[in-house]
Amino acid sequence: MTALLMTLVRTIGFDFMTFGLLSTACHAPVSKPRIPLICYGFNLAFDVRQKFMTPRQSEISAESYAASVLARAGYQVSVQYGANQPDYDLVAEKPGRILLVSVKGSQDGGWPLAVARKKKEVTYHQAIDEWKATQRKDIVFIFVQFLGIPLTSAPRVYVARPDDVATYMKSQCNGRGHCSLAENYRRDHPKSHYTQQIPKDWNFSQVRIDTI
């Protein structure tokens, strides 16, 4: 089946691109491509919009995976159970270091962090600043992305502080700003061209989590 699809792609000259869905706060809804083949790394899916988990399941999966990678990195991890825990989800500790961790899961390539703050009279940068002002200064975000990830494979994980996130969101859309954190998105339009991708140094690693 995969060989047949690849032959079709080569025949019609379809251009694969890696992207995450973004909130309509920045873009008009994107119509489905006539041949909706999405490629992320080596994973091929028919429709990137298909979500296999409920929001709650995504949240639980993200928090569980974040706790597991923190434990593997040598941290003692405490979990706040229950809905709507304030400010943070996990506490990660090792000698001389304590991290308060807020975990954000996603299945569509983006995290709509400041979307609710974008109003007609509020610019994207202002909305992002409002979002940042509500975050604890000592919080660490762990973003877990399940888009294009098979059930038996590990999701992509990123680590950032509120300042990092706000700076990146302001840089999106050619500097106009965007209220949803985009993992990897490319826009090709006659009047608008840009590519935005989470900085590589956000990737979860021993060095990243120990020095952030």
Protein backbone atom coordinates (compact mmCIF):
# COMPACT_ATOMS: atom_id res chain seq x y z
CA MET A 1 0.00 0.00 0.00
CA THR A 2 2.81 2.42 0.93
CA ALA A 3 4.66 1.67 -2.33
CA LEU A 4 1.47 2.41 -4.29
CA LEU A 5 1.01 5.74 -2.52
CA MET A 6 4.61 6.74 -3.12
CA THR A 7 4.24 5.89 -6.81
CA LEU A 8 1.14 8.09 -6.97
CA VAL A 9 3.00 10.93 -5.27
CA ARG A 10 5.90 10.72 -7.72
CA THR A 11 3.51 10.60 -10.66
CA ILE A 12 1.56 13.75 -9.75
CA GLY A 13 4.54 15.59 -8.29
CA PHE A 14 2.91 16.17 -4.87
CA ASP A 15 5.09 18.26 -2.59
CA PHE A 16 5.29 16.81 0.91
CA MET A 17 5.51 19.32 3.70
CA THR A 18 5.71 19.06 7.44
CA PHE A 19 3.29 21.23 9.32
CA GLY A 20 1.06 21.58 12.35
CA LEU A 21 -2.46 22.91 12.35
CA LEU A 22 -2.70 26.43 13.70
CA SER A 23 -5.56 28.23 15.32
CA THR A 24 -7.85 30.33 13.16
CA ALA A 25 -6.78 33.25 15.33
CA CYS A 26 -3.84 33.59 12.94
CA HIS A 27 -5.04 31.98 9.73
CA ALA A 28 -8.29 31.38 7.97
CA PRO A 29 -9.34 27.72 8.06
CA VAL A 30 -7.26 25.67 5.66
CA SER A 31 -9.32 23.63 3.24
CA LYS A 32 -8.38 19.98 2.97
CA PRO A 33 -5.95 19.28 0.13
CA ARG A 34 -7.34 17.21 -2.72
CA ILE A 35 -4.77 14.53 -1.90
CA PRO A 36 -4.27 14.91 1.86
CA LEU A 37 -0.96 13.11 2.26
CA ILE A 38 0.99 14.41 5.23
CA CYS A 39 4.57 13.46 5.91
CA TYR A 40 6.34 13.92 9.23
CA GLY A 41 9.66 12.14 9.29
CA PHE A 42 8.90 8.58 8.27
CA ASN A 43 5.24 8.59 9.30
CA LEU A 44 2.57 8.73 6.60
CA ALA A 45 -1.00 9.66 7.48
CA PHE A 46 -4.07 10.28 5.35
CA ASP A 47 -5.40 13.19 7.35
CA VAL A 48 -3.48 15.20 9.92
CA ARG A 49 -6.75 16.41 11.45
CA GLN A 50 -7.67 12.95 12.71
CA LYS A 51 -7.24 12.72 16.47
CA PHE A 52 -7.21 9.38 18.22
CA MET A 53 -7.45 10.67 21.80
CA THR A 54 -9.90 12.88 23.62
CA PRO A 55 -8.42 16.08 25.09
CA ARG A 56 -8.38 14.44 28.52
CA GLN A 57 -6.63 11.34 27.18
CA SER A 58 -4.06 13.53 25.46
CA GLU A 59 -3.48 15.40 28.71
CA ILE A 60 -3.01 12.18 30.70
CA SER A 61 -0.72 10.70 28.04
CA ALA A 62 1.41 13.85 27.92
CA GLU A 63 1.75 14.13 31.70
CA SER A 64 2.59 10.45 32.04
CA TYR A 65 5.23 10.61 29.33
CA ALA A 66 6.73 13.81 30.74
CA ALA A 67 6.99 12.16 34.16
CA SER A 68 8.70 9.14 32.63
CA VAL A 69 11.38 11.12 30.76
CA LEU A 70 12.04 13.25 33.84
CA ALA A 71 12.51 10.08 35.88
CA ARG A 72 14.87 8.71 33.24
CA ALA A 73 16.83 11.97 33.51
CA GLY A 74 17.39 11.26 37.21
CA TYR A 75 14.61 13.31 38.79
CA GLN A 76 12.26 12.29 41.57
CA VAL A 77 8.83 13.15 40.17
CA SER A 78 5.68 14.04 42.11
CA VAL A 79 2.38 14.20 40.25
CA GLN A 80 -0.58 16.45 41.04
CA TYR A 81 -3.62 14.31 40.37
CA GLY A 82 -7.04 15.69 39.53
CA ALA A 83 -8.42 18.20 37.06
CA ASN A 84 -7.47 21.89 36.92
CA GLN A 85 -4.37 21.80 39.08
CA PRO A 86 -3.04 25.35 39.49
CA ASP A 87 0.11 26.52 37.71
CA TYR A 88 1.94 23.19 37.36
CA ASP A 89 1.36 19.46 36.93
CA LEU A 90 4.62 17.88 38.12
CA VAL A 91 7.37 18.57 40.61
CA ALA A 92 10.76 17.23 39.54
CA GLU A 93 13.58 17.12 42.07
CA LYS A 94 17.21 16.12 42.25
CA PRO A 95 19.89 17.29 44.72
CA GLY A 96 20.11 21.07 44.55
CA ARG A 97 17.41 21.43 41.91
CA ILE A 98 13.61 21.64 41.95
CA LEU A 99 11.48 22.14 38.83
CA LEU A 100 7.80 23.05 38.74
CA VAL A 101 6.58 21.60 35.45
CA SER A 102 3.52 22.46 33.38
CA VAL A 103 2.85 19.80 30.75
CA LYS A 104 1.08 20.61 27.47
CA GLY A 105 -0.02 17.79 25.17
CA SER A 106 -1.06 18.13 21.53
CA GLN A 107 -2.18 15.95 18.63
CA ASP A 108 -2.27 18.58 15.87
CA GLY A 109 1.15 20.24 15.80
CA GLY A 110 0.31 23.28 17.94
CA TRP A 111 -0.53 24.49 21.44
CA PRO A 112 -3.11 27.35 21.61
CA LEU A 113 -1.58 29.05 24.63
CA ALA A 114 -2.69 32.68 24.16
CA VAL A 115 -5.54 32.27 21.67
CA ALA A 116 -8.24 33.16 24.21
CA ARG A 117 -6.54 36.52 24.84
CA LYS A 118 -6.60 37.65 21.21
CA LYS A 119 -9.42 40.16 20.69
CA LYS A 120 -10.11 42.53 17.82
CA GLU A 121 -8.62 45.46 19.71
CA VAL A 122 -5.65 43.44 21.02
CA THR A 123 -2.58 42.81 18.87
CA TYR A 124 -0.91 39.40 18.78
CA HIS A 125 2.08 40.70 20.70
CA GLN A 126 -0.17 42.22 23.36
CA ALA A 127 -2.11 38.97 23.72
CA ILE A 128 1.15 37.04 24.10
CA ASP A 129 2.38 39.52 26.72
CA GLU A 130 -0.89 39.11 28.62
CA TRP A 131 -0.46 35.35 28.55
CA LYS A 132 3.14 35.60 29.73
CA ALA A 133 2.16 37.89 32.62
CA THR A 134 -0.09 35.15 34.04
CA GLN A 135 2.67 32.52 34.10
CA ARG A 136 4.85 31.79 37.09
CA LYS A 137 8.39 32.97 36.46
CA ASP A 138 9.80 29.72 37.85
CA ILE A 139 7.64 27.41 35.72
CA VAL A 140 9.11 25.00 33.16
CA PHE A 141 6.94 23.98 30.22
CA ILE A 142 7.20 20.51 28.73
CA PHE A 143 5.41 20.28 25.38
CA VAL A 144 4.51 16.78 24.19
CA GLN A 145 3.49 16.30 20.55
CA PHE A 146 1.66 13.18 19.34
CA LEU A 147 1.04 14.27 15.73
CA GLY A 148 2.11 11.50 13.35
CA ILE A 149 3.35 9.26 16.16
CA PRO A 150 2.40 5.54 16.02
CA LEU A 151 0.99 4.03 19.21
CA THR A 152 4.21 2.12 19.95
CA SER A 153 6.57 5.08 19.37
CA ALA A 154 7.63 7.95 21.61
CA PRO A 155 6.18 11.44 21.08
CA ARG A 156 8.32 14.51 20.44
CA VAL A 157 9.14 16.50 23.59
CA TYR A 158 10.29 20.11 24.04
CA VAL A 159 11.31 22.10 27.12
CA ALA A 160 11.05 25.88 27.51
CA ARG A 161 10.54 28.72 29.97
CA PRO A 162 7.74 31.32 29.57
CA ASP A 163 10.19 33.91 28.18
CA ASP A 164 11.34 31.42 25.51
CA VAL A 165 7.76 30.63 24.53
CA ALA A 166 6.65 34.27 24.34
CA THR A 167 9.67 35.24 22.23
CA TYR A 168 9.04 32.39 19.79
CA MET A 169 5.30 33.09 19.48
CA LYS A 170 6.04 36.76 18.74
CA SER A 171 8.45 35.73 15.97
CA GLN A 172 5.81 33.67 14.16
CA CYS A 173 3.97 34.89 11.04
CA ASN A 174 7.02 36.90 9.92
CA GLY A 175 7.18 38.75 13.24
CA ARG A 176 3.52 39.69 13.44
CA GLY A 177 3.10 37.08 16.13
CA HIS A 178 0.74 34.15 16.61
CA CYS A 179 -1.13 33.11 19.74
CA SER A 180 -0.66 29.37 19.21
CA LEU A 181 2.75 27.80 19.61
CA ALA A 182 3.48 26.04 16.29
CA GLU A 183 5.79 23.05 16.27
CA ASN A 184 6.60 23.05 12.57
CA TYR A 185 4.62 25.01 10.00
CA ARG A 186 5.19 26.32 6.50
CA ARG A 187 2.86 28.74 4.72
CA ASP A 188 3.10 29.19 0.97
CA HIS A 189 0.67 31.83 -0.24
CA PRO A 190 1.03 34.47 -2.98
CA LYS A 191 0.91 37.20 -0.33
CA SER A 192 2.47 35.38 2.60
CA HIS A 193 5.47 33.05 2.83
CA TYR A 194 7.07 31.86 6.03
CA THR A 195 8.39 28.82 7.83
CA GLN A 196 8.36 28.49 11.59
CA GLN A 197 9.84 25.71 13.66
CA ILE A 198 10.46 25.24 17.37
CA PRO A 199 14.14 25.93 18.13
CA LYS A 200 16.23 22.77 18.12
CA ASP A 201 17.68 23.54 21.54
CA TRP A 202 14.18 23.05 23.03
CA ASN A 203 14.41 19.31 22.35
CA PHE A 204 14.30 17.33 25.58
CA SER A 205 17.76 16.17 26.59
CA GLN A 206 19.74 15.69 29.79
CA VAL A 207 21.59 18.96 29.22
CA ARG A 208 18.42 20.89 28.38
CA ILE A 209 16.46 19.79 31.46
CA ASP A 210 19.45 20.21 33.79
CA THR A 211 20.34 23.72 32.66
CA ILE A 212 17.06 25.42 31.81
